[in-house]
């Protein structure tokens, strides 16, 4: 899978939209799970501050850090971690760049803001065990999300046209909600750039992570991608139905769920095998609308099994293989060890 392929950028942009949108909604859910009866101004998890929107962050548009050299240099000191990665793009060029940084100590994140800058299409922040040397280098989203090769990963945040420049703060009452990154985790800040103009362009994407407040309610993003899926084949001029299973492995509450497929995906369902409870279902591969369980308490038991069922059509002349086609589920969860969560 290469992001230059037709139809891909919109799909991955939706992935970054999903991350940003769910982080906002789930912050409120987590606060409710902890027994909050009232919310103080400025602690709702809603976007705060100002910044670019979809209208001002189009391809090659202005906004964000731009090509400023100082702004595009990362900084890992103080209460704000400044992640930044840039690229010089020729006309019609498209490129993905990654900043990798291994955390020397545990990090609690209670807010963030990202910018795409000129030429920025989307960016993602992943957390995984170190899989490559720290630093900045060209990268492939297919490779950094290859759990079979690199191990499991968490998607922590994303920036899209709509969320570029928008600041997000997690609730702080009754307890601090946020993201927790253990010491020794490699953060991968992945930015996708494209230059639709007629001259060279200096692109720079940034993500500021605010830390300093201990996080009590830790949101977790779980990717459902069973290893058997790496053998997925959709025959040329054909269709196929597949099913995959993954053990839950722990007890947790599901607070939101969604899917990721590519063009040709016609049906997706994620369920609990033992109860046949549907966690997420859609026939829309390009614009999956996440399910948010803000009032319904869905608890997955340690000995239960998560099941994926997907259908695909391939009108092309060549077989499609993973990762050109995918059947991936995603869930934001709260651990049942958090009082009131389950």
C-alpha atoms as a PDB file:
ATOM      1  CA  UNK A   1       0.000   0.000   0.000  1.00  0.00           C
ATOM      2  CA  UNK A   2       1.432   3.361  -1.026  1.00  0.00           C
ATOM      3  CA  UNK A   3      -0.303   6.622  -0.206  1.00  0.00           C
ATOM      4  CA  UNK A   4       0.229   7.970  -3.728  1.00  0.00           C
ATOM      5  CA  UNK A   5      -2.180   5.330  -5.048  1.00  0.00           C
ATOM      6  CA  UNK A   6      -5.483   6.732  -6.201  1.00  0.00           C
ATOM      7  CA  UNK A   7      -8.221   6.864  -3.587  1.00  0.00           C
ATOM      8  CA  UNK A   8      -5.900   6.322  -0.631  1.00  0.00           C
ATOM      9  CA  UNK A   9      -5.338   9.813   0.768  1.00  0.00           C
ATOM     10  CA  UNK A  10      -9.029  10.377   1.492  1.00  0.00           C
ATOM     11  CA  UNK A  11      -9.220   7.085   3.341  1.00  0.00           C
ATOM     12  CA  UNK A  12      -6.212   7.826   5.516  1.00  0.00           C
ATOM     13  CA  UNK A  13      -7.413  11.392   6.073  1.00  0.00           C
ATOM     14  CA  UNK A  14     -10.581   9.894   7.543  1.00  0.00           C
ATOM     15  CA  UNK A  15      -8.373   7.865   9.891  1.00  0.00           C
ATOM     16  CA  UNK A  16      -6.767  11.017  11.256  1.00  0.00           C
ATOM     17  CA  UNK A  17     -10.185  12.704  11.486  1.00  0.00           C
ATOM     18  CA  UNK A  18     -11.412   9.724  13.515  1.00  0.00           C
ATOM     19  CA  UNK A  19      -8.568   9.936  16.006  1.00  0.00           C
ATOM     20  CA  UNK A  20      -9.057  13.657  16.658  1.00  0.00           C
ATOM     21  CA  UNK A  21     -12.841  13.396  16.898  1.00  0.00           C
ATOM     22  CA  UNK A  22     -12.814  10.385  19.204  1.00  0.00           C
ATOM     23  CA  UNK A  23     -10.233  11.857  21.546  1.00  0.00           C
ATOM     24  CA  UNK A  24     -12.539  14.804  22.150  1.00  0.00           C
ATOM     25  CA  UNK A  25     -15.688  12.728  22.696  1.00  0.00           C
ATOM     26  CA  UNK A  26     -13.992  10.051  24.762  1.00  0.00           C
ATOM     27  CA  UNK A  27     -12.520  12.571  27.145  1.00  0.00           C
ATOM     28  CA  UNK A  28     -16.069  13.358  28.250  1.00  0.00           C
ATOM     29  CA  UNK A  29     -16.939   9.652  28.410  1.00  0.00           C
ATOM     30  CA  UNK A  30     -13.944   8.941  30.614  1.00  0.00           C
ATOM     31  CA  UNK A  31     -14.881  11.771  32.947  1.00  0.00           C
ATOM     32  CA  UNK A  32     -18.404  10.369  33.205  1.00  0.00           C
ATOM     33  CA  UNK A  33     -17.019   6.929  33.963  1.00  0.00           C
ATOM     34  CA  UNK A  34     -15.137   8.427  36.872  1.00  0.00           C
ATOM     35  CA  UNK A  35     -18.353   9.779  38.349  1.00  0.00           C
ATOM     36  CA  UNK A  36     -18.208  13.449  37.377  1.00  0.00           C
ATOM     37  CA  UNK A  37     -21.425  15.245  38.275  1.00  0.00           C
ATOM     38  CA  UNK A  38     -20.530  18.654  36.929  1.00  0.00           C
ATOM     39  CA  UNK A  39     -17.954  20.067  34.568  1.00  0.00           C
ATOM     40  CA  UNK A  40     -15.879  23.157  35.056  1.00  0.00           C
ATOM     41  CA  UNK A  41     -15.453  25.608  32.179  1.00  0.00           C
ATOM     42  CA  UNK A  42     -12.504  24.703  30.004  1.00  0.00           C
ATOM     43  CA  UNK A  43     -12.397  21.035  31.092  1.00  0.00           C
ATOM     44  CA  UNK A  44     -14.902  19.467  28.712  1.00  0.00           C
ATOM     45  CA  UNK A  45     -12.415  18.117  26.228  1.00  0.00           C
ATOM     46  CA  UNK A  46     -13.895  20.371  23.540  1.00  0.00           C
ATOM     47  CA  UNK A  47     -11.506  22.138  21.158  1.00  0.00           C
ATOM     48  CA  UNK A  48     -10.145  25.402  22.515  1.00  0.00           C
ATOM     49  CA  UNK A  49      -8.169  28.244  21.023  1.00  0.00           C
ATOM     50  CA  UNK A  50      -7.990  29.144  17.365  1.00  0.00           C
ATOM     51  CA  UNK A  51      -6.327  27.805  14.296  1.00  0.00           C
ATOM     52  CA  UNK A  52      -6.748  26.779  10.704  1.00  0.00           C
ATOM     53  CA  UNK A  53      -9.831  24.937   9.543  1.00  0.00           C
ATOM     54  CA  UNK A  54     -10.628  23.033   6.414  1.00  0.00           C
ATOM     55  CA  UNK A  55     -11.162  26.328   4.613  1.00  0.00           C
ATOM     56  CA  UNK A  56      -7.624  27.525   5.232  1.00  0.00           C
ATOM     57  CA  UNK A  57      -5.685  24.284   5.242  1.00  0.00           C
ATOM     58  CA  UNK A  58      -6.151  23.046   1.699  1.00  0.00           C
ATOM     59  CA  UNK A  59      -3.392  21.330  -0.234  1.00  0.00           C
ATOM     60  CA  UNK A  60      -0.491  23.729  -0.564  1.00  0.00           C
ATOM     61  CA  UNK A  61      -2.351  26.360   1.478  1.00  0.00           C
ATOM     62  CA  UNK A  62      -1.132  28.553   4.260  1.00  0.00           C
ATOM     63  CA  UNK A  63      -1.328  27.963   7.984  1.00  0.00           C
ATOM     64  CA  UNK A  64       0.625  26.136  10.662  1.00  0.00           C
ATOM     65  CA  UNK A  65       4.377  26.223  10.935  1.00  0.00           C
ATOM     66  CA  UNK A  66       5.024  26.531   7.209  1.00  0.00           C
ATOM     67  CA  UNK A  67       8.635  26.131   6.201  1.00  0.00           C
ATOM     68  CA  UNK A  68      10.091  28.015   9.170  1.00  0.00           C
ATOM     69  CA  UNK A  69      13.322  26.229  10.070  1.00  0.00           C
ATOM     70  CA  UNK A  70      13.123  26.859  13.825  1.00  0.00           C
ATOM     71  CA  UNK A  71       9.480  25.787  14.065  1.00  0.00           C
ATOM     72  CA  UNK A  72      10.271  22.610  12.157  1.00  0.00           C
ATOM     73  CA  UNK A  73      12.966  21.513  14.603  1.00  0.00           C
ATOM     74  CA  UNK A  74      11.622  19.107  17.273  1.00  0.00           C
ATOM     75  CA  UNK A  75      12.097  19.795  20.978  1.00  0.00           C
ATOM     76  CA  UNK A  76      11.684  17.232  23.754  1.00  0.00           C
ATOM     77  CA  UNK A  77      12.233  19.437  26.791  1.00  0.00           C
ATOM     78  CA  UNK A  78       9.820  21.189  29.157  1.00  0.00           C
ATOM     79  CA  UNK A  79       6.068  20.816  29.616  1.00  0.00           C
ATOM     80  CA  UNK A  80       5.405  20.838  25.861  1.00  0.00           C
ATOM     81  CA  UNK A  81       6.902  18.225  23.571  1.00  0.00           C
ATOM     82  CA  UNK A  82       7.241  19.834  20.132  1.00  0.00           C
ATOM     83  CA  UNK A  83       7.213  17.172  17.413  1.00  0.00           C
ATOM     84  CA  UNK A  84       8.036  18.488  13.950  1.00  0.00           C
ATOM     85  CA  UNK A  85       8.956  17.051  10.565  1.00  0.00           C
ATOM     86  CA  UNK A  86       9.369  18.730   7.190  1.00  0.00           C
ATOM     87  CA  UNK A  87      10.158  18.113   3.555  1.00  0.00           C
ATOM     88  CA  UNK A  88      11.064  20.020   0.386  1.00  0.00           C
ATOM     89  CA  UNK A  89       8.695  18.989  -2.383  1.00  0.00           C
ATOM     90  CA  UNK A  90       9.004  19.561  -6.120  1.00  0.00           C
ATOM     91  CA  UNK A  91       5.834  20.310  -8.113  1.00  0.00           C
ATOM     92  CA  UNK A  92       3.441  17.315  -8.092  1.00  0.00           C
ATOM     93  CA  UNK A  93       5.644  15.487  -5.572  1.00  0.00           C
ATOM     94  CA  UNK A  94       4.129  13.479  -2.720  1.00  0.00           C
ATOM     95  CA  UNK A  95       6.053  12.212   0.280  1.00  0.00           C
ATOM     96  CA  UNK A  96       5.659  10.772   3.775  1.00  0.00           C
ATOM     97  CA  UNK A  97       8.187  11.651   6.467  1.00  0.00           C
ATOM     98  CA  UNK A  98       8.526  10.289  10.002  1.00  0.00           C
ATOM     99  CA  UNK A  99      10.078  11.620  13.193  1.00  0.00           C
ATOM    100  CA  UNK A 100      10.930   8.814  15.615  1.00  0.00           C
ATOM    101  CA  UNK A 101      11.731   9.495  19.270  1.00  0.00           C
ATOM    102  CA  UNK A 102      12.092   6.966  22.082  1.00  0.00           C
ATOM    103  CA  UNK A 103      10.831   8.307  25.415  1.00  0.00           C
ATOM    104  CA  UNK A 104      13.440   8.197  28.199  1.00  0.00           C
ATOM    105  CA  UNK A 105      10.701   8.392  30.831  1.00  0.00           C
ATOM    106  CA  UNK A 106       6.949   7.882  31.115  1.00  0.00           C
ATOM    107  CA  UNK A 107       4.849  10.709  29.663  1.00  0.00           C
ATOM    108  CA  UNK A 108       1.314  11.759  30.578  1.00  0.00           C
ATOM    109  CA  UNK A 109      -0.401  13.869  27.900  1.00  0.00           C
ATOM    110  CA  UNK A 110      -3.307  16.104  28.907  1.00  0.00           C
ATOM    111  CA  UNK A 111      -3.698  18.079  25.674  1.00  0.00           C
ATOM    112  CA  UNK A 112      -2.340  18.590  22.171  1.00  0.00           C
ATOM    113  CA  UNK A 113      -2.450  20.797  19.086  1.00  0.00           C
ATOM    114  CA  UNK A 114      -1.211  19.975  15.593  1.00  0.00           C
ATOM    115  CA  UNK A 115      -0.603  21.925  12.408  1.00  0.00           C
ATOM    116  CA  UNK A 116      -0.127  20.683   8.847  1.00  0.00           C
ATOM    117  CA  UNK A 117       1.360  23.770   7.204  1.00  0.00           C
ATOM    118  CA  UNK A 118       1.717  24.248   3.437  1.00  0.00           C
ATOM    119  CA  UNK A 119       1.521  20.960   1.564  1.00  0.00           C
ATOM    120  CA  UNK A 120       0.455  19.020   4.654  1.00  0.00           C
ATOM    121  CA  UNK A 121      -2.231  16.414   3.927  1.00  0.00           C
ATOM    122  CA  UNK A 122      -2.514  14.648   7.288  1.00  0.00           C
ATOM    123  CA  UNK A 123      -0.386  13.476  10.185  1.00  0.00           C
ATOM    124  CA  UNK A 124      -0.583  10.640  12.708  1.00  0.00           C
ATOM    125  CA  UNK A 125       1.094   9.908  16.033  1.00  0.00           C
ATOM    126  CA  UNK A 126       1.764   6.247  16.797  1.00  0.00           C
ATOM    127  CA  UNK A 127       3.342   4.574  19.803  1.00  0.00           C
ATOM    128  CA  UNK A 128       5.184   1.249  19.546  1.00  0.00           C
ATOM    129  CA  UNK A 129       8.269  -0.619  20.670  1.00  0.00           C
ATOM    130  CA  UNK A 130      11.387   0.823  18.971  1.00  0.00           C
ATOM    131  CA  UNK A 131      11.420  -0.524  15.406  1.00  0.00           C
ATOM    132  CA  UNK A 132      13.935   1.802  13.704  1.00  0.00           C
ATOM    133  CA  UNK A 133      16.582   4.343  14.750  1.00  0.00           C
ATOM    134  CA  UNK A 134      15.377   7.630  16.236  1.00  0.00           C
ATOM    135  CA  UNK A 135      15.464  10.669  13.977  1.00  0.00           C
ATOM    136  CA  UNK A 136      13.805  11.946  10.792  1.00  0.00           C
ATOM    137  CA  UNK A 137      13.589   9.863   7.616  1.00  0.00           C
ATOM    138  CA  UNK A 138      11.237   9.043   4.737  1.00  0.00           C
ATOM    139  CA  UNK A 139       8.744   6.345   5.704  1.00  0.00           C
ATOM    140  CA  UNK A 140       5.735   4.324   4.602  1.00  0.00           C
ATOM    141  CA  UNK A 141       2.510   4.190   6.614  1.00  0.00           C
ATOM    142  CA  UNK A 142       2.029   0.602   5.439  1.00  0.00           C
ATOM    143  CA  UNK A 143       5.354  -0.330   6.993  1.00  0.00           C
ATOM    144  CA  UNK A 144       5.055   1.543  10.284  1.00  0.00           C
ATOM    145  CA  UNK A 145       1.574   0.014  10.785  1.00  0.00           C
ATOM    146  CA  UNK A 146       2.793  -3.510   9.979  1.00  0.00           C
ATOM    147  CA  UNK A 147       2.092  -5.127  13.351  1.00  0.00           C
ATOM    148  CA  UNK A 148       3.423  -8.464  12.125  1.00  0.00           C
ATOM    149  CA  UNK A 149       6.864  -6.979  11.497  1.00  0.00           C
ATOM    150  CA  UNK A 150       7.042  -4.244  14.139  1.00  0.00           C
ATOM    151  CA  UNK A 151       4.698  -5.491  16.851  1.00  0.00           C
ATOM    152  CA  UNK A 152       1.518  -3.916  18.173  1.00  0.00           C
ATOM    153  CA  UNK A 153       1.057  -0.161  18.057  1.00  0.00           C
ATOM    154  CA  UNK A 154      -1.311   2.459  19.424  1.00  0.00           C
ATOM    155  CA  UNK A 155      -2.600   5.405  17.430  1.00  0.00           C
ATOM    156  CA  UNK A 156      -2.495   8.327  19.866  1.00  0.00           C
ATOM    157  CA  UNK A 157      -3.497  11.352  17.778  1.00  0.00           C
ATOM    158  CA  UNK A 158      -4.120  12.595  14.264  1.00  0.00           C
ATOM    159  CA  UNK A 159      -4.318  15.916  12.436  1.00  0.00           C
ATOM    160  CA  UNK A 160      -6.457  16.573   9.352  1.00  0.00           C
ATOM    161  CA  UNK A 161      -7.428  19.680   7.383  1.00  0.00           C
ATOM    162  CA  UNK A 162     -10.357  20.196   9.748  1.00  0.00           C
ATOM    163  CA  UNK A 163      -8.374  19.821  12.972  1.00  0.00           C
ATOM    164  CA  UNK A 164      -5.141  21.588  11.959  1.00  0.00           C
ATOM    165  CA  UNK A 165      -4.444  24.380  14.442  1.00  0.00           C
ATOM    166  CA  UNK A 166      -7.216  23.330  16.834  1.00  0.00           C
ATOM    167  CA  UNK A 167      -6.172  22.791  20.455  1.00  0.00           C
ATOM    168  CA  UNK A 168      -7.603  19.882  22.469  1.00  0.00           C
ATOM    169  CA  UNK A 169      -7.587  19.708  26.272  1.00  0.00           C
ATOM    170  CA  UNK A 170      -8.762  16.672  28.211  1.00  0.00           C
ATOM    171  CA  UNK A 171     -10.994  17.064  31.294  1.00  0.00           C
ATOM    172  CA  UNK A 172      -9.230  17.530  34.617  1.00  0.00           C
ATOM    173  CA  UNK A 173     -12.176  16.892  36.951  1.00  0.00           C
ATOM    174  CA  UNK A 174     -12.943  14.732  38.835  1.00  0.00           C
ATOM    175  CA  UNK A 175      -9.610  13.246  37.733  1.00  0.00           C
ATOM    176  CA  UNK A 176      -7.192  14.049  34.921  1.00  0.00           C
ATOM    177  CA  UNK A 177      -8.098  12.267  31.677  1.00  0.00           C
ATOM    178  CA  UNK A 178      -5.501  11.775  28.965  1.00  0.00           C
ATOM    179  CA  UNK A 179      -2.953   9.573  27.264  1.00  0.00           C
ATOM    180  CA  UNK A 180      -0.126   7.682  28.951  1.00  0.00           C
ATOM    181  CA  UNK A 181       3.095   6.732  27.173  1.00  0.00           C
ATOM    182  CA  UNK A 182       5.374   4.306  29.084  1.00  0.00           C
ATOM    183  CA  UNK A 183       9.117   4.880  29.264  1.00  0.00           C
ATOM    184  CA  UNK A 184      10.997   3.253  26.380  1.00  0.00           C
ATOM    185  CA  UNK A 185       8.132   3.700  23.918  1.00  0.00           C
ATOM    186  CA  UNK A 186       9.010   4.936  20.454  1.00  0.00           C
ATOM    187  CA  UNK A 187       6.745   7.761  19.304  1.00  0.00           C
ATOM    188  CA  UNK A 188       6.385   7.923  15.523  1.00  0.00           C
ATOM    189  CA  UNK A 189       5.137  11.256  14.162  1.00  0.00           C
ATOM    190  CA  UNK A 190       4.148  10.532  10.567  1.00  0.00           C
ATOM    191  CA  UNK A 191       3.343  13.414   8.201  1.00  0.00           C
ATOM    192  CA  UNK A 192       2.103  13.088   4.616  1.00  0.00           C
ATOM    193  CA  UNK A 193       2.859  15.958   2.232  1.00  0.00           C
ATOM    194  CA  UNK A 194       1.853  16.710  -1.355  1.00  0.00           C
ATOM    195  CA  UNK A 195       2.613  19.669  -3.584  1.00  0.00           C
ATOM    196  CA  UNK A 196      -0.168  20.540  -6.012  1.00  0.00           C
ATOM    197  CA  UNK A 197       1.528  23.786  -7.044  1.00  0.00           C
ATOM    198  CA  UNK A 198       3.906  24.697  -9.844  1.00  0.00           C
ATOM    199  CA  UNK A 199       6.987  25.538  -7.757  1.00  0.00           C
ATOM    200  CA  UNK A 200       9.026  23.966  -4.976  1.00  0.00           C
ATOM    201  CA  UNK A 201       7.363  23.941  -1.557  1.00  0.00           C
ATOM    202  CA  UNK A 202       8.765  23.739   1.970  1.00  0.00           C
ATOM    203  CA  UNK A 203       6.395  21.653   4.078  1.00  0.00           C
ATOM    204  CA  UNK A 204       6.363  21.334   7.850  1.00  0.00           C
ATOM    205  CA  UNK A 205       3.922  19.546  10.139  1.00  0.00           C
ATOM    206  CA  UNK A 206       3.982  19.913  13.913  1.00  0.00           C
ATOM    207  CA  UNK A 207       2.337  18.351  16.947  1.00  0.00           C
ATOM    208  CA  UNK A 208       2.648  19.871  20.420  1.00  0.00           C
ATOM    209  CA  UNK A 209       1.946  17.466  23.282  1.00  0.00           C
ATOM    210  CA  UNK A 210       1.179  19.100  26.629  1.00  0.00           C
ATOM    211  CA  UNK A 211       2.383  17.200  29.681  1.00  0.00           C
ATOM    212  CA  UNK A 212       2.965  17.887  33.347  1.00  0.00           C
ATOM    213  CA  UNK A 213      -0.318  16.713  34.893  1.00  0.00           C
ATOM    214  CA  UNK A 214      -0.441  13.056  36.062  1.00  0.00           C
ATOM    215  CA  UNK A 215      -3.106  11.189  34.041  1.00  0.00           C
ATOM    216  CA  UNK A 216      -5.415   8.975  36.113  1.00  0.00           C
ATOM    217  CA  UNK A 217      -7.987   7.946  33.465  1.00  0.00           C
ATOM    218  CA  UNK A 218      -5.873   6.563  30.620  1.00  0.00           C
ATOM    219  CA  UNK A 219      -7.555   6.225  27.240  1.00  0.00           C
ATOM    220  CA  UNK A 220      -6.284   3.315  25.135  1.00  0.00           C
ATOM    221  CA  UNK A 221      -6.677   2.794  21.390  1.00  0.00           C
ATOM    222  CA  UNK A 222      -6.763  -0.853  20.352  1.00  0.00           C
ATOM    223  CA  UNK A 223      -6.233  -1.935  16.752  1.00  0.00           C
ATOM    224  CA  UNK A 224      -7.915  -5.231  15.830  1.00  0.00           C
ATOM    225  CA  UNK A 225      -5.644  -6.726  13.178  1.00  0.00           C
ATOM    226  CA  UNK A 226      -5.275 -10.508  13.566  1.00  0.00           C
ATOM    227  CA  UNK A 227      -2.054 -11.894  11.966  1.00  0.00           C
ATOM    228  CA  UNK A 228      -4.086 -14.181   9.665  1.00  0.00           C
ATOM    229  CA  UNK A 229      -5.144 -11.073   7.753  1.00  0.00           C
ATOM    230  CA  UNK A 230      -1.667 -10.654   6.293  1.00  0.00           C
ATOM    231  CA  UNK A 231      -2.595 -13.494   3.929  1.00  0.00           C
ATOM    232  CA  UNK A 232      -5.703 -11.693   2.599  1.00  0.00           C
ATOM    233  CA  UNK A 233      -6.246 -12.027  -1.169  1.00  0.00           C
ATOM    234  CA  UNK A 234      -9.138 -10.558  -3.168  1.00  0.00           C
ATOM    235  CA  UNK A 235      -9.054 -12.164  -6.656  1.00  0.00           C
ATOM    236  CA  UNK A 236      -9.096 -10.060  -9.814  1.00  0.00           C
ATOM    237  CA  UNK A 237     -12.624  -9.493 -11.149  1.00  0.00           C
ATOM    238  CA  UNK A 238     -13.923 -11.317  -8.106  1.00  0.00           C
ATOM    239  CA  UNK A 239     -15.189 -10.941  -4.561  1.00  0.00           C
ATOM    240  CA  UNK A 240     -14.494 -12.585  -1.248  1.00  0.00           C
ATOM    241  CA  UNK A 241     -15.781 -12.784   2.323  1.00  0.00           C
ATOM    242  CA  UNK A 242     -13.368 -13.165   5.239  1.00  0.00           C
ATOM    243  CA  UNK A 243     -13.588 -13.677   9.004  1.00  0.00           C
ATOM    244  CA  UNK A 244     -10.852 -13.141  11.582  1.00  0.00           C
ATOM    245  CA  UNK A 245     -10.735 -13.603  15.347  1.00  0.00           C
ATOM    246  CA  UNK A 246      -8.623 -12.112  18.144  1.00  0.00           C
ATOM    247  CA  UNK A 247      -8.679 -12.936  21.843  1.00  0.00           C
ATOM    248  CA  UNK A 248      -9.672 -10.042  24.093  1.00  0.00           C
ATOM    249  CA  UNK A 249      -6.910 -10.908  26.553  1.00  0.00           C
ATOM    250  CA  UNK A 250      -8.092  -8.511  29.254  1.00  0.00           C
ATOM    251  CA  UNK A 251     -11.263  -6.971  30.682  1.00  0.00           C
ATOM    252  CA  UNK A 252     -12.098  -3.495  29.365  1.00  0.00           C
ATOM    253  CA  UNK A 253     -14.910  -1.121  28.459  1.00  0.00           C
ATOM    254  CA  UNK A 254     -15.452  -0.136  24.822  1.00  0.00           C
ATOM    255  CA  UNK A 255     -16.285   3.551  24.510  1.00  0.00           C
ATOM    256  CA  UNK A 256     -15.996   3.957  20.729  1.00  0.00           C
ATOM    257  CA  UNK A 257     -15.439   1.780  17.678  1.00  0.00           C
ATOM    258  CA  UNK A 258     -14.838   2.157  13.952  1.00  0.00           C
ATOM    259  CA  UNK A 259     -13.258   0.449  10.935  1.00  0.00           C
ATOM    260  CA  UNK A 260     -10.627   0.865   8.251  1.00  0.00           C
ATOM    261  CA  UNK A 261     -11.002  -0.585   4.743  1.00  0.00           C
ATOM    262  CA  UNK A 262      -9.940   0.506   1.270  1.00  0.00           C
ATOM    263  CA  UNK A 263     -11.859   1.028  -1.957  1.00  0.00           C
ATOM    264  CA  UNK A 264     -13.636  -2.227  -2.805  1.00  0.00           C
ATOM    265  CA  UNK A 265     -14.635  -2.957   0.775  1.00  0.00           C
ATOM    266  CA  UNK A 266     -18.407  -3.496   0.762  1.00  0.00           C
ATOM    267  CA  UNK A 267     -19.218  -4.615   4.305  1.00  0.00           C
ATOM    268  CA  UNK A 268     -17.540  -4.535   7.715  1.00  0.00           C
ATOM    269  CA  UNK A 269     -18.718  -5.950  11.045  1.00  0.00           C
ATOM    270  CA  UNK A 270     -16.863  -6.186  14.360  1.00  0.00           C
ATOM    271  CA  UNK A 271     -18.555  -8.220  17.058  1.00  0.00           C
ATOM    272  CA  UNK A 272     -18.102 -10.255  20.230  1.00  0.00           C
ATOM    273  CA  UNK A 273     -18.077 -13.887  19.129  1.00  0.00           C
ATOM    274  CA  UNK A 274     -19.574 -15.426  22.255  1.00  0.00           C
ATOM    275  CA  UNK A 275     -22.581 -13.069  22.443  1.00  0.00           C
ATOM    276  CA  UNK A 276     -22.843 -11.984  18.775  1.00  0.00           C
ATOM    277  CA  UNK A 277     -22.976  -8.380  20.037  1.00  0.00           C
ATOM    278  CA  UNK A 278     -22.207  -5.962  17.209  1.00  0.00           C
ATOM    279  CA  UNK A 279     -19.591  -3.372  18.188  1.00  0.00           C
ATOM    280  CA  UNK A 280     -19.445  -1.721  14.773  1.00  0.00           C
ATOM    281  CA  UNK A 281     -20.961  -2.319  11.324  1.00  0.00           C
ATOM    282  CA  UNK A 282     -20.830  -0.332   8.083  1.00  0.00           C
ATOM    283  CA  UNK A 283     -21.038  -0.627   4.299  1.00  0.00           C
ATOM    284  CA  UNK A 284     -19.163   2.653   3.755  1.00  0.00           C
ATOM    285  CA  UNK A 285     -15.424   2.069   3.397  1.00  0.00           C
ATOM    286  CA  UNK A 286     -14.539   5.723   2.697  1.00  0.00           C
ATOM    287  CA  UNK A 287     -16.545   7.576   5.353  1.00  0.00           C
ATOM    288  CA  UNK A 288     -17.000   5.234   8.334  1.00  0.00           C
ATOM    289  CA  UNK A 289     -18.974   7.029  11.030  1.00  0.00           C
ATOM    290  CA  UNK A 290     -17.673   5.907  14.453  1.00  0.00           C
ATOM    291  CA  UNK A 291     -20.000   4.445  17.062  1.00  0.00           C
ATOM    292  CA  UNK A 292     -19.735   6.308  20.375  1.00  0.00           C
ATOM    293  CA  UNK A 293     -21.002   4.443  23.449  1.00  0.00           C
ATOM    294  CA  UNK A 294     -21.425   7.401  25.777  1.00  0.00           C
ATOM    295  CA  UNK A 295     -24.319   5.933  27.785  1.00  0.00           C
ATOM    296  CA  UNK A 296     -24.318   2.247  26.861  1.00  0.00           C
ATOM    297  CA  UNK A 297     -21.734   0.401  28.956  1.00  0.00           C
ATOM    298  CA  UNK A 298     -20.130  -2.350  26.847  1.00  0.00           C
ATOM    299  CA  UNK A 299     -17.663  -4.475  28.789  1.00  0.00           C
ATOM    300  CA  UNK A 300     -15.513  -7.122  27.102  1.00  0.00           C
ATOM    301  CA  UNK A 301     -14.480 -10.014  29.320  1.00  0.00           C
ATOM    302  CA  UNK A 302     -10.945 -11.362  29.346  1.00  0.00           C
ATOM    303  CA  UNK A 303     -11.929 -14.771  27.932  1.00  0.00           C
ATOM    304  CA  UNK A 304     -14.087 -13.413  25.105  1.00  0.00           C
ATOM    305  CA  UNK A 305     -13.180 -13.170  21.419  1.00  0.00           C
ATOM    306  CA  UNK A 306     -13.362 -10.195  19.071  1.00  0.00           C
ATOM    307  CA  UNK A 307     -14.501 -11.126  15.540  1.00  0.00           C
ATOM    308  CA  UNK A 308     -14.145  -9.287  12.223  1.00  0.00           C
ATOM    309  CA  UNK A 309     -16.312 -10.107   9.172  1.00  0.00           C
ATOM    310  CA  UNK A 310     -15.570  -8.294   5.893  1.00  0.00           C
ATOM    311  CA  UNK A 311     -16.649  -8.464   2.259  1.00  0.00           C
ATOM    312  CA  UNK A 312     -14.694  -7.181  -0.745  1.00  0.00           C
ATOM    313  CA  UNK A 313     -15.070  -6.673  -4.483  1.00  0.00           C
ATOM    314  CA  UNK A 314     -12.159  -6.313  -6.888  1.00  0.00           C
ATOM    315  CA  UNK A 315     -13.041  -5.099 -10.416  1.00  0.00           C
ATOM    316  CA  UNK A 316      -9.352  -4.790 -11.361  1.00  0.00           C
ATOM    317  CA  UNK A 317      -7.163  -7.020 -13.489  1.00  0.00           C
ATOM    318  CA  UNK A 318      -4.790  -7.984 -10.658  1.00  0.00           C
ATOM    319  CA  UNK A 319      -5.309  -9.751  -7.352  1.00  0.00           C
ATOM    320  CA  UNK A 320      -5.373  -7.476  -4.286  1.00  0.00           C
ATOM    321  CA  UNK A 321      -3.263  -8.457  -1.299  1.00  0.00           C
ATOM    322  CA  UNK A 322      -2.912  -7.022   2.205  1.00  0.00           C
ATOM    323  CA  UNK A 323      -2.176  -4.152   2.774  1.00  0.00           C
ATOM    324  CA  UNK A 324      -3.704  -2.954  -0.517  1.00  0.00           C
ATOM    325  CA  UNK A 325      -6.949  -4.159   1.051  1.00  0.00           C
ATOM    326  CA  UNK A 326      -7.716  -4.284   4.762  1.00  0.00           C
ATOM    327  CA  UNK A 327     -10.282  -5.420   7.320  1.00  0.00           C
ATOM    328  CA  UNK A 328      -9.199  -3.534  10.447  1.00  0.00           C
ATOM    329  CA  UNK A 329     -11.185  -2.635  13.538  1.00  0.00           C
ATOM    330  CA  UNK A 330     -10.349   0.139  15.976  1.00  0.00           C
ATOM    331  CA  UNK A 331     -11.616   0.773  19.503  1.00  0.00           C
ATOM    332  CA  UNK A 332     -11.031   3.334  22.203  1.00  0.00           C
ATOM    333  CA  UNK A 333     -11.207   1.619  25.567  1.00  0.00           C
ATOM    334  CA  UNK A 334     -10.993   2.225  29.288  1.00  0.00           C
ATOM    335  CA  UNK A 335      -9.429  -0.414  31.549  1.00  0.00           C
ATOM    336  CA  UNK A 336     -11.750  -1.942  34.129  1.00  0.00           C
ATOM    337  CA  UNK A 337      -9.108  -1.205  36.753  1.00  0.00           C
ATOM    338  CA  UNK A 338     -10.280   2.424  36.531  1.00  0.00           C
ATOM    339  CA  UNK A 339     -12.940   2.951  39.266  1.00  0.00           C
ATOM    340  CA  UNK A 340     -16.393   3.325  37.735  1.00  0.00           C
ATOM    341  CA  UNK A 341     -15.332   2.393  34.209  1.00  0.00           C
ATOM    342  CA  UNK A 342     -16.952  -1.042  34.143  1.00  0.00           C
END
